[in-house]
Amino acid sequence: MNDTRRITLLARGHATPDRDWSRFANDSTRLVTIESLTVLRYTLEHAVADIDLDIERVILDRSFSPAEYLDLLAALPREFGADVMLIRNDESGYLSATGRSGDRALYSLQPTDVRFYLEANDLVTGRVVFQERMIA
């Protein structure tokens, strides 16, 4: 049987606390966990040309530094068009996405933005209700 779902690569350290990932409920995406930056780099380097993987996004979840994230982005093949997100320990993050022209844009994300992205793409099971603080 051939699995036709798109792939979300989830890079996280072995000791990284788990979150409410939706591992089995999503019909369009399968979540593949990678615990090594070396394996992730190899996968991304060969994903498009050699392995022909249909990677929709890559998420680095609280296990890698912003410098490692930038190094990873700089090494991506030009034809790699998937989103690449870094989630920091404080739940803020960065998102690198490809625009219409094929160039990458880098966005700074607040914790609410990160959670919105995860929920909007059905990557997590729970829904978090955010409350705006009223400044008097």
C-alpha atoms as a PDB file:
ATOM      1  CA  MET A   1       0.000   0.000   0.000  1.00  0.00           C
ATOM      2  CA  ASN A   2       1.356   3.406  -0.990  1.00  0.00           C
ATOM      3  CA  ASP A   3       0.891   6.278   1.476  1.00  0.00           C
ATOM      4  CA  THR A   4      -0.108   9.349  -0.540  1.00  0.00           C
ATOM      5  CA  ARG A   5      -0.264  11.806   2.366  1.00  0.00           C
ATOM      6  CA  ARG A   6       2.116  14.762   2.332  1.00  0.00           C
ATOM      7  CA  ILE A   7       4.915  14.723   4.912  1.00  0.00           C
ATOM      8  CA  THR A   8       5.484  16.990   7.877  1.00  0.00           C
ATOM      9  CA  LEU A   9       9.003  16.469   9.223  1.00  0.00           C
ATOM     10  CA  LEU A  10       9.101  17.096  12.951  1.00  0.00           C
ATOM     11  CA  ALA A  11      12.627  17.598  14.279  1.00  0.00           C
ATOM     12  CA  ARG A  12      12.851  17.447  18.042  1.00  0.00           C
ATOM     13  CA  GLY A  13      15.326  16.261  20.596  1.00  0.00           C
ATOM     14  CA  HIS A  14      14.815  13.023  22.473  1.00  0.00           C
ATOM     15  CA  ALA A  15      14.263  14.916  25.732  1.00  0.00           C
ATOM     16  CA  THR A  16      11.973  17.605  24.267  1.00  0.00           C
ATOM     17  CA  PRO A  17       8.621  17.634  26.073  1.00  0.00           C
ATOM     18  CA  ASP A  18       5.845  16.312  23.864  1.00  0.00           C
ATOM     19  CA  ARG A  19       2.983  18.481  22.705  1.00  0.00           C
ATOM     20  CA  ASP A  20      -0.482  17.481  21.524  1.00  0.00           C
ATOM     21  CA  TRP A  21       0.637  16.383  18.058  1.00  0.00           C
ATOM     22  CA  SER A  22      -2.084  14.929  15.877  1.00  0.00           C
ATOM     23  CA  ARG A  23      -0.196  11.841  14.730  1.00  0.00           C
ATOM     24  CA  PHE A  24      -3.046   9.700  13.413  1.00  0.00           C
ATOM     25  CA  ALA A  25      -6.104  11.881  12.872  1.00  0.00           C
ATOM     26  CA  ASN A  26      -4.932  13.854   9.845  1.00  0.00           C
ATOM     27  CA  ASP A  27      -5.989  12.398   6.478  1.00  0.00           C
ATOM     28  CA  SER A  28      -3.761  14.644   4.360  1.00  0.00           C
ATOM     29  CA  THR A  29      -0.477  14.789   6.298  1.00  0.00           C
ATOM     30  CA  ARG A  30       1.690  12.232   8.016  1.00  0.00           C
ATOM     31  CA  LEU A  31       3.977  13.334  10.800  1.00  0.00           C
ATOM     32  CA  VAL A  32       7.514  11.921  10.679  1.00  0.00           C
ATOM     33  CA  THR A  33       9.717  12.549  13.730  1.00  0.00           C
ATOM     34  CA  ILE A  34      13.471  13.050  13.332  1.00  0.00           C
ATOM     35  CA  GLU A  35      15.718  13.378  16.390  1.00  0.00           C
ATOM     36  CA  SER A  36      18.978  14.313  14.668  1.00  0.00           C
ATOM     37  CA  LEU A  37      19.904  17.507  12.850  1.00  0.00           C
ATOM     38  CA  THR A  38      22.311  15.476  10.698  1.00  0.00           C
ATOM     39  CA  VAL A  39      19.514  13.165   9.525  1.00  0.00           C
ATOM     40  CA  LEU A  40      17.244  16.150   8.904  1.00  0.00           C
ATOM     41  CA  ARG A  41      19.917  17.895   6.817  1.00  0.00           C
ATOM     42  CA  TYR A  42      20.497  14.733   4.753  1.00  0.00           C
ATOM     43  CA  THR A  43      16.760  14.244   4.223  1.00  0.00           C
ATOM     44  CA  LEU A  44      16.246  17.833   3.089  1.00  0.00           C
ATOM     45  CA  GLU A  45      19.324  17.802   0.869  1.00  0.00           C
ATOM     46  CA  HIS A  46      18.099  14.720  -0.998  1.00  0.00           C
ATOM     47  CA  ALA A  47      14.318  15.073  -0.573  1.00  0.00           C
ATOM     48  CA  VAL A  48      13.502  16.704  -3.893  1.00  0.00           C
ATOM     49  CA  ALA A  49      16.027  15.363  -6.379  1.00  0.00           C
ATOM     50  CA  ASP A  50      16.987  11.898  -5.126  1.00  0.00           C
ATOM     51  CA  ILE A  51      14.250  10.579  -2.849  1.00  0.00           C
ATOM     52  CA  ASP A  52      11.236  12.398  -4.361  1.00  0.00           C
ATOM     53  CA  LEU A  53       9.544  12.996  -0.998  1.00  0.00           C
ATOM     54  CA  ASP A  54       6.434  15.157  -0.883  1.00  0.00           C
ATOM     55  CA  ILE A  55       7.411  17.306   2.103  1.00  0.00           C
ATOM     56  CA  GLU A  56       4.826  19.926   2.980  1.00  0.00           C
ATOM     57  CA  ARG A  57       6.587  21.447   5.991  1.00  0.00           C
ATOM     58  CA  VAL A  58       9.468  21.055   8.427  1.00  0.00           C
ATOM     59  CA  ILE A  59       9.075  21.952  12.094  1.00  0.00           C
ATOM     60  CA  LEU A  60      12.026  22.274  14.465  1.00  0.00           C
ATOM     61  CA  ASP A  61      10.362  21.953  17.851  1.00  0.00           C
ATOM     62  CA  ARG A  62      12.251  23.512  20.791  1.00  0.00           C
ATOM     63  CA  SER A  63      15.468  21.562  20.193  1.00  0.00           C
ATOM     64  CA  PHE A  64      17.546  23.780  17.924  1.00  0.00           C
ATOM     65  CA  SER A  65      19.007  27.264  18.112  1.00  0.00           C
ATOM     66  CA  PRO A  66      18.139  30.145  15.774  1.00  0.00           C
ATOM     67  CA  ALA A  67      21.680  29.865  14.358  1.00  0.00           C
ATOM     68  CA  GLU A  68      21.143  26.184  13.501  1.00  0.00           C
ATOM     69  CA  TYR A  69      17.817  27.148  11.903  1.00  0.00           C
ATOM     70  CA  LEU A  70      19.482  29.783   9.714  1.00  0.00           C
ATOM     71  CA  ASP A  71      22.227  27.331   8.719  1.00  0.00           C
ATOM     72  CA  LEU A  72      19.544  24.840   7.709  1.00  0.00           C
ATOM     73  CA  LEU A  73      17.676  27.455   5.661  1.00  0.00           C
ATOM     74  CA  ALA A  74      20.859  28.530   3.906  1.00  0.00           C
ATOM     75  CA  ALA A  75      21.567  24.940   2.876  1.00  0.00           C
ATOM     76  CA  LEU A  76      18.117  24.206   1.424  1.00  0.00           C
ATOM     77  CA  PRO A  77      18.021  23.350  -2.271  1.00  0.00           C
ATOM     78  CA  ARG A  78      16.440  26.173  -4.290  1.00  0.00           C
ATOM     79  CA  GLU A  79      13.650  23.905  -5.515  1.00  0.00           C
ATOM     80  CA  PHE A  80      12.620  22.996  -1.950  1.00  0.00           C
ATOM     81  CA  GLY A  81       9.383  24.922  -1.421  1.00  0.00           C
ATOM     82  CA  ALA A  82       8.079  23.639   1.912  1.00  0.00           C
ATOM     83  CA  ASP A  83       7.515  25.796   4.991  1.00  0.00           C
ATOM     84  CA  VAL A  84      10.283  25.575   7.595  1.00  0.00           C
ATOM     85  CA  MET A  85       9.353  26.606  11.141  1.00  0.00           C
ATOM     86  CA  LEU A  86      11.455  26.969  14.273  1.00  0.00           C
ATOM     87  CA  ILE A  87       9.598  26.832  17.590  1.00  0.00           C
ATOM     88  CA  ARG A  88      11.650  28.254  20.446  1.00  0.00           C
ATOM     89  CA  ASN A  89      11.465  27.247  24.122  1.00  0.00           C
ATOM     90  CA  ASP A  90       9.187  30.203  24.902  1.00  0.00           C
ATOM     91  CA  GLU A  91       6.784  29.019  22.109  1.00  0.00           C
ATOM     92  CA  SER A  92       7.647  31.958  19.848  1.00  0.00           C
ATOM     93  CA  GLY A  93       9.303  31.150  16.560  1.00  0.00           C
ATOM     94  CA  TYR A  94      10.198  31.859  12.964  1.00  0.00           C
ATOM     95  CA  LEU A  95       8.580  30.708   9.742  1.00  0.00           C
ATOM     96  CA  SER A  96      10.326  30.551   6.402  1.00  0.00           C
ATOM     97  CA  ALA A  97       7.853  30.259   3.536  1.00  0.00           C
ATOM     98  CA  THR A  98       8.185  30.397  -0.223  1.00  0.00           C
ATOM     99  CA  GLY A  99       6.454  33.232  -2.051  1.00  0.00           C
ATOM    100  CA  ARG A 100       4.969  33.271  -5.544  1.00  0.00           C
ATOM    101  CA  SER A 101       8.291  34.161  -7.127  1.00  0.00           C
ATOM    102  CA  GLY A 102      10.003  31.217  -5.428  1.00  0.00           C
ATOM    103  CA  ASP A 103      11.975  33.380  -3.025  1.00  0.00           C
ATOM    104  CA  ARG A 104      11.828  32.654   0.698  1.00  0.00           C
ATOM    105  CA  ALA A 105      10.458  35.094   3.250  1.00  0.00           C
ATOM    106  CA  LEU A 106      11.198  34.895   6.965  1.00  0.00           C
ATOM    107  CA  TYR A 107       8.511  35.783   9.504  1.00  0.00           C
ATOM    108  CA  SER A 108       8.878  36.312  13.245  1.00  0.00           C
ATOM    109  CA  LEU A 109       6.070  34.587  15.174  1.00  0.00           C
ATOM    110  CA  GLN A 110       4.579  35.197  18.597  1.00  0.00           C
ATOM    111  CA  PRO A 111       3.388  32.158  20.598  1.00  0.00           C
ATOM    112  CA  THR A 112      -0.194  32.774  19.427  1.00  0.00           C
ATOM    113  CA  ASP A 113       0.998  32.770  15.789  1.00  0.00           C
ATOM    114  CA  VAL A 114       2.841  29.479  16.261  1.00  0.00           C
ATOM    115  CA  ARG A 115      -0.199  27.862  17.831  1.00  0.00           C
ATOM    116  CA  PHE A 116      -2.460  29.249  15.095  1.00  0.00           C
ATOM    117  CA  TYR A 117      -0.212  27.728  12.406  1.00  0.00           C
ATOM    118  CA  LEU A 118      -0.213  24.326  14.150  1.00  0.00           C
ATOM    119  CA  GLU A 119      -3.989  24.364  14.618  1.00  0.00           C
ATOM    120  CA  ALA A 120      -4.781  25.696  11.130  1.00  0.00           C
ATOM    121  CA  ASN A 121      -2.786  22.850   9.585  1.00  0.00           C
ATOM    122  CA  ASP A 122      -4.375  20.205  11.880  1.00  0.00           C
ATOM    123  CA  LEU A 123      -0.998  19.299  13.348  1.00  0.00           C
ATOM    124  CA  VAL A 124      -2.193  19.375  16.963  1.00  0.00           C
ATOM    125  CA  THR A 125      -5.255  17.818  18.543  1.00  0.00           C
ATOM    126  CA  GLY A 126      -6.301  20.449  21.054  1.00  0.00           C
ATOM    127  CA  ARG A 127      -7.540  23.942  20.512  1.00  0.00           C
ATOM    128  CA  VAL A 128      -6.218  26.749  22.669  1.00  0.00           C
ATOM    129  CA  VAL A 129      -8.374  29.780  23.271  1.00  0.00           C
ATOM    130  CA  PHE A 130      -6.277  32.932  23.472  1.00  0.00           C
ATOM    131  CA  GLN A 131      -7.545  35.921  25.374  1.00  0.00           C
ATOM    132  CA  GLU A 132      -6.561  39.458  24.492  1.00  0.00           C
ATOM    133  CA  ARG A 133      -5.321  41.490  27.427  1.00  0.00           C
ATOM    134  CA  MET A 134      -7.258  44.635  27.944  1.00  0.00           C
ATOM    135  CA  ILE A 135      -5.039  47.583  28.770  1.00  0.00           C
ATOM    136  CA  ALA A 136      -6.893  50.113  30.876  1.00  0.00           C
END
